[in-house]
C-alpha atoms as a PDB file:
ATOM      1  CA  MET A   1       8.383   0.416  -4.394  1.00  0.00           C
ATOM      2  CA  VAL A   2      10.169  -0.837  -7.507  1.00  0.00           C
ATOM      3  CA  LEU A   3      13.274  -2.886  -6.804  1.00  0.00           C
ATOM      4  CA  LEU A   4      15.855  -2.592  -9.551  1.00  0.00           C
ATOM      5  CA  GLY A   5      18.715  -5.008  -9.111  1.00  0.00           C
ATOM      6  CA  ILE A   6      19.447  -7.857  -6.797  1.00  0.00           C
ATOM      7  CA  GLY A   7      20.887  -7.686  -3.305  1.00  0.00           C
ATOM      8  CA  LYS A   8      22.623 -10.340  -1.263  1.00  0.00           C
ATOM      9  CA  ASP A   9      20.313 -10.040   1.747  1.00  0.00           C
ATOM     10  CA  PRO A  10      16.585 -10.745   1.976  1.00  0.00           C
ATOM     11  CA  LEU A  11      14.266  -7.739   2.022  1.00  0.00           C
ATOM     12  CA  ALA A  12      12.241  -7.308   5.211  1.00  0.00           C
ATOM     13  CA  VAL A  13       8.917  -5.631   4.503  1.00  0.00           C
ATOM     14  CA  ALA A  14       6.269  -4.554   7.005  1.00  0.00           C
ATOM     15  CA  THR A  15       2.978  -5.932   5.708  1.00  0.00           C
ATOM     16  CA  ALA A  16       0.541  -3.605   7.507  1.00  0.00           C
ATOM     17  CA  PRO A  17       1.499  -0.476   5.501  1.00  0.00           C
ATOM     18  CA  LEU A  18       1.287  -2.501   2.284  1.00  0.00           C
ATOM     19  CA  VAL A  19      -2.199  -3.774   2.990  1.00  0.00           C
ATOM     20  CA  SER A  20      -3.709  -0.708   4.665  1.00  0.00           C
ATOM     21  CA  GLY A  21      -2.199   1.759   2.211  1.00  0.00           C
ATOM     22  CA  GLU A  22      -2.831  -0.402  -0.864  1.00  0.00           C
ATOM     23  CA  ARG A  23       0.874  -0.211  -1.669  1.00  0.00           C
ATOM     24  CA  SER A  24       3.021  -2.773  -3.433  1.00  0.00           C
ATOM     25  CA  VAL A  25       6.562  -3.959  -3.899  1.00  0.00           C
ATOM     26  CA  VAL A  26       7.556  -5.099  -7.385  1.00  0.00           C
ATOM     27  CA  GLY A  27      10.801  -6.121  -9.016  1.00  0.00           C
ATOM     28  CA  SER A  28      12.112  -5.301 -12.463  1.00  0.00           C
ATOM     29  CA  ILE A  29      15.400  -5.529 -14.303  1.00  0.00           C
ATOM     30  CA  THR A  30      15.050  -1.978 -15.668  1.00  0.00           C
ATOM     31  CA  GLY A  31      11.607  -0.672 -14.704  1.00  0.00           C
ATOM     32  CA  SER A  32       9.067   0.777 -17.105  1.00  0.00           C
ATOM     33  CA  PRO A  33       9.325   4.230 -18.719  1.00  0.00           C
ATOM     34  CA  TYR A  34       6.588   5.362 -16.305  1.00  0.00           C
ATOM     35  CA  ASP A  35       8.625   4.086 -13.321  1.00  0.00           C
ATOM     36  CA  SER A  36      11.698   5.933 -14.602  1.00  0.00           C
ATOM     37  CA  GLU A  37       9.731   9.170 -14.993  1.00  0.00           C
ATOM     38  CA  ARG A  38       8.301   8.909 -11.474  1.00  0.00           C
ATOM     39  CA  THR A  39      11.754   8.137 -10.061  1.00  0.00           C
ATOM     40  CA  LEU A  40      13.275  11.179 -11.746  1.00  0.00           C
ATOM     41  CA  ASP A  41      10.405  13.380 -10.524  1.00  0.00           C
ATOM     42  CA  PHE A  42      10.994  12.110  -6.977  1.00  0.00           C
ATOM     43  CA  SER A  43      14.737  12.773  -7.182  1.00  0.00           C
ATOM     44  CA  VAL A  44      14.083  16.370  -8.296  1.00  0.00           C
ATOM     45  CA  LEU A  45      11.611  16.927  -5.458  1.00  0.00           C
ATOM     46  CA  THR A  46      13.923  15.532  -2.789  1.00  0.00           C
ATOM     47  CA  GLY A  47      17.318  16.532  -4.169  1.00  0.00           C
ATOM     48  CA  ALA A  48      18.375  12.864  -4.295  1.00  0.00           C
ATOM     49  CA  ARG A  49      21.600  12.205  -6.168  1.00  0.00           C
ATOM     50  CA  PRO A  50      23.111   8.888  -7.301  1.00  0.00           C
ATOM     51  CA  ARG A  51      26.053   7.313  -5.534  1.00  0.00           C
ATOM     52  CA  ILE A  52      28.534   6.317  -8.183  1.00  0.00           C
ATOM     53  CA  GLU A  53      31.986   4.797  -8.060  1.00  0.00           C
ATOM     54  CA  THR A  54      34.039   5.447 -11.177  1.00  0.00           C
ATOM     55  CA  LEU A  55      37.134   3.797 -12.612  1.00  0.00           C
ATOM     56  CA  PRO A  56      38.904   4.470 -15.904  1.00  0.00           C
ATOM     57  CA  LEU A  57      38.208   2.036 -18.713  1.00  0.00           C
ATOM     58  CA  GLU A  58      41.777   0.766 -18.426  1.00  0.00           C
ATOM     59  CA  ARG A  59      40.817  -0.698 -15.019  1.00  0.00           C
ATOM     60  CA  ALA A  60      37.731  -2.535 -16.326  1.00  0.00           C
ATOM     61  CA  ASN A  61      38.988  -5.909 -15.048  1.00  0.00           C
ATOM     62  CA  GLU A  62      39.259  -4.482 -11.539  1.00  0.00           C
ATOM     63  CA  ALA A  63      35.758  -2.988 -11.834  1.00  0.00           C
ATOM     64  CA  VAL A  64      34.273  -6.326 -12.901  1.00  0.00           C
ATOM     65  CA  HIS A  65      36.083  -8.165 -10.092  1.00  0.00           C
ATOM     66  CA  ARG A  66      34.796  -5.633  -7.529  1.00  0.00           C
ATOM     67  CA  MET A  67      31.275  -5.935  -8.909  1.00  0.00           C
ATOM     68  CA  LEU A  68      31.236  -9.750  -8.920  1.00  0.00           C
ATOM     69  CA  SER A  69      32.684  -9.915  -5.406  1.00  0.00           C
ATOM     70  CA  GLY A  70      30.013  -7.569  -4.054  1.00  0.00           C
ATOM     71  CA  ALA A  71      32.559  -4.870  -3.147  1.00  0.00           C
ATOM     72  CA  VAL A  72      30.736  -2.243  -5.238  1.00  0.00           C
ATOM     73  CA  THR A  73      28.106  -0.752  -2.955  1.00  0.00           C
ATOM     74  CA  PHE A  74      26.149   1.328  -5.443  1.00  0.00           C
ATOM     75  CA  ARG A  75      26.875   1.762  -9.165  1.00  0.00           C
ATOM     76  CA  MET A  76      30.178   1.213 -10.951  1.00  0.00           C
ATOM     77  CA  VAL A  77      30.806   3.402 -14.012  1.00  0.00           C
ATOM     78  CA  LEU A  78      33.763   3.089 -16.359  1.00  0.00           C
ATOM     79  CA  THR A  79      35.094   6.426 -17.609  1.00  0.00           C
ATOM     80  CA  MET A  80      37.032   7.257 -20.746  1.00  0.00           C
ATOM     81  CA  GLY A  81      40.046   9.532 -20.752  1.00  0.00           C
ATOM     82  CA  GLY A  82      41.731   8.057 -17.690  1.00  0.00           C
ATOM     83  CA  SER A  83      40.215  10.443 -15.148  1.00  0.00           C
ATOM     84  CA  VAL A  84      38.609   9.179 -11.971  1.00  0.00           C
ATOM     85  CA  ALA A  85      35.835  11.421 -10.717  1.00  0.00           C
ATOM     86  CA  PRO A  86      34.963  10.962  -7.033  1.00  0.00           C
ATOM     87  CA  GLN A  87      31.230  10.797  -6.406  1.00  0.00           C
END
């Protein structure tokens, strides 16, 4: 498992599957190109889609405030053109 980003809560991990399955948990700010490729392959196989909250660029201050306060649950994206696309 590659953790990208930082959460507020500690991560509880069962150690037996890590040790017996020779698995690992690592952290990275962006991940490696190989990690990105594997992640995209997995998303295609499983049909996983990102959860994105969008706000127009004009509301950037609100977006930053929501991000810093922890109110953004997934990813915040600023859009151009004033349209807000629900995700």
